Amino acid sequence: MNNDPSEGQAIQEINFWNSIERSLANIDEQLKSPMIDVTKKLLKSANKIQLIYHFELDTDLAQKLK
């Protein structure tokens, strides 16, 4: 019985985690966009800062990117 990592579940697992990493990086880049920055500033000025805090806490994107 041969276990070729280029076939089957091993390569699927590698592709899955690479896809997750690319998706998280894309989300992080989008969150740094000027439009998101304006939205955050508007929420802060409307005293809705808890929305930003809860979003950042719930997503924990920085930790996941590590």
Protein backbone atom coordinates (compact mmCIF):
# COMPACT_ATOMS: atom_id res chain seq x y z
CA MET A 1 0.00 0.00 0.00
CA ASN A 2 1.51 3.32 -1.11
CA ASN A 3 0.69 6.62 0.54
CA ASP A 4 1.24 9.33 -2.05
CA PRO A 5 0.71 12.76 -0.45
CA SER A 6 0.08 14.33 -3.86
CA GLU A 7 -3.14 12.32 -4.13
CA GLY A 8 -6.21 12.10 -1.99
CA GLN A 9 -6.80 13.54 1.43
CA ALA A 10 -3.35 14.98 2.15
CA ILE A 11 -3.40 17.30 -0.86
CA GLN A 12 -7.03 18.22 -0.13
CA GLU A 13 -6.07 19.16 3.42
CA ILE A 14 -3.17 21.30 2.21
CA ASN A 15 -5.38 23.03 -0.36
CA PHE A 16 -8.05 23.63 2.27
CA TRP A 17 -5.67 25.36 4.69
CA ASN A 18 -4.05 27.37 1.89
CA SER A 19 -7.52 28.54 0.86
CA ILE A 20 -8.35 29.52 4.45
CA GLU A 21 -5.10 31.49 4.72
CA ARG A 22 -5.76 33.34 1.44
CA SER A 23 -9.33 34.13 2.52
CA LEU A 24 -8.24 35.50 5.90
CA ALA A 25 -5.56 37.64 4.25
CA ASN A 26 -8.15 38.96 1.80
CA ILE A 27 -10.55 39.83 4.63
CA ASP A 28 -7.75 41.56 6.53
CA GLU A 29 -6.85 43.62 3.47
CA GLN A 30 -10.50 44.60 2.94
CA LEU A 31 -10.82 45.67 6.58
CA LYS A 32 -7.88 48.04 6.07
CA SER A 33 -9.56 49.75 3.11
CA PRO A 34 -10.47 53.45 3.26
CA MET A 35 -14.21 52.69 3.11
CA ILE A 36 -14.04 50.51 6.21
CA ASP A 37 -11.98 53.18 7.96
CA VAL A 38 -14.68 55.76 7.22
CA THR A 39 -17.35 53.37 8.47
CA LYS A 40 -15.45 52.78 11.72
CA LYS A 41 -15.06 56.54 12.23
CA LEU A 42 -18.79 57.06 11.65
CA LEU A 43 -19.66 54.33 14.14
CA LYS A 44 -17.29 55.84 16.70
CA SER A 45 -18.78 59.29 16.24
CA ALA A 46 -22.27 57.81 16.70
CA ASN A 47 -21.15 56.17 19.96
CA LYS A 48 -21.49 52.71 18.41
CA ILE A 49 -17.92 51.73 19.25
CA GLN A 50 -19.15 48.53 20.92
CA LEU A 51 -20.11 47.24 17.45
CA ILE A 52 -16.52 47.58 16.30
CA TYR A 53 -15.20 46.04 19.49
CA HIS A 54 -17.55 43.05 19.30
CA PHE A 55 -16.80 42.52 15.62
CA GLU A 56 -13.05 42.48 16.26
CA LEU A 57 -13.51 40.27 19.31
CA ASP A 58 -15.80 37.82 17.50
CA THR A 59 -13.65 37.49 14.40
CA ASP A 60 -10.25 37.47 16.18
CA LEU A 61 -8.73 37.91 12.73
CA ALA A 62 -5.27 38.97 13.94
CA GLN A 63 -4.86 35.78 15.97
CA LYS A 64 -6.12 33.60 13.12
CA LEU A 65 -3.65 35.17 10.71
CA LYS A 66 -0.78 34.21 13.01
